[in-house]
Amino acid sequence: VQAEKNASQWVVGTNSLREENEVHVLEYDHDQERIACTRSLLHKPEVWDIATSCQQSDVLITVWGEAGNYGASLWRIPQTDGPLEKLADLPGHQTNSAIRRALWHPQQPELAITIED
């Protein structure tokens, strides 16, 4: 998580065709020298890529696939238990094209791009 300055965190997602998928927040515990899953959040479509915001540690973009459809969505991780909060779907990709990556602009943190096949 790029914007998190007080902890070493990562966000990972699952990619399963037959089961519901999840986004997990992992954090390194320096005292125990271990990595623990601190949050597990439902994300129904398969997660193909995750890009965390450079400025806000609770904002991310997922690139996803579901039944042959691909997209990218902007999410907020809730402060307390609960599901991911969808802020927006990212428009502008080609109809029959698969989005593969999402990237945040390094100098303008409110901008992001997606990369397609």
Foldseek 3Di string as FASTA:
>chain_A
DQQDDPWDKDWDKAADQPDWIWIWIWTQDPVVRDIDTPDIATDGFGFQEKEAFNHDRQKIKTWGDHPQFTWIWIWGHDPDDDHIHTPGTDDDDDGNWGWRYKYADPVDRVDIDTDID
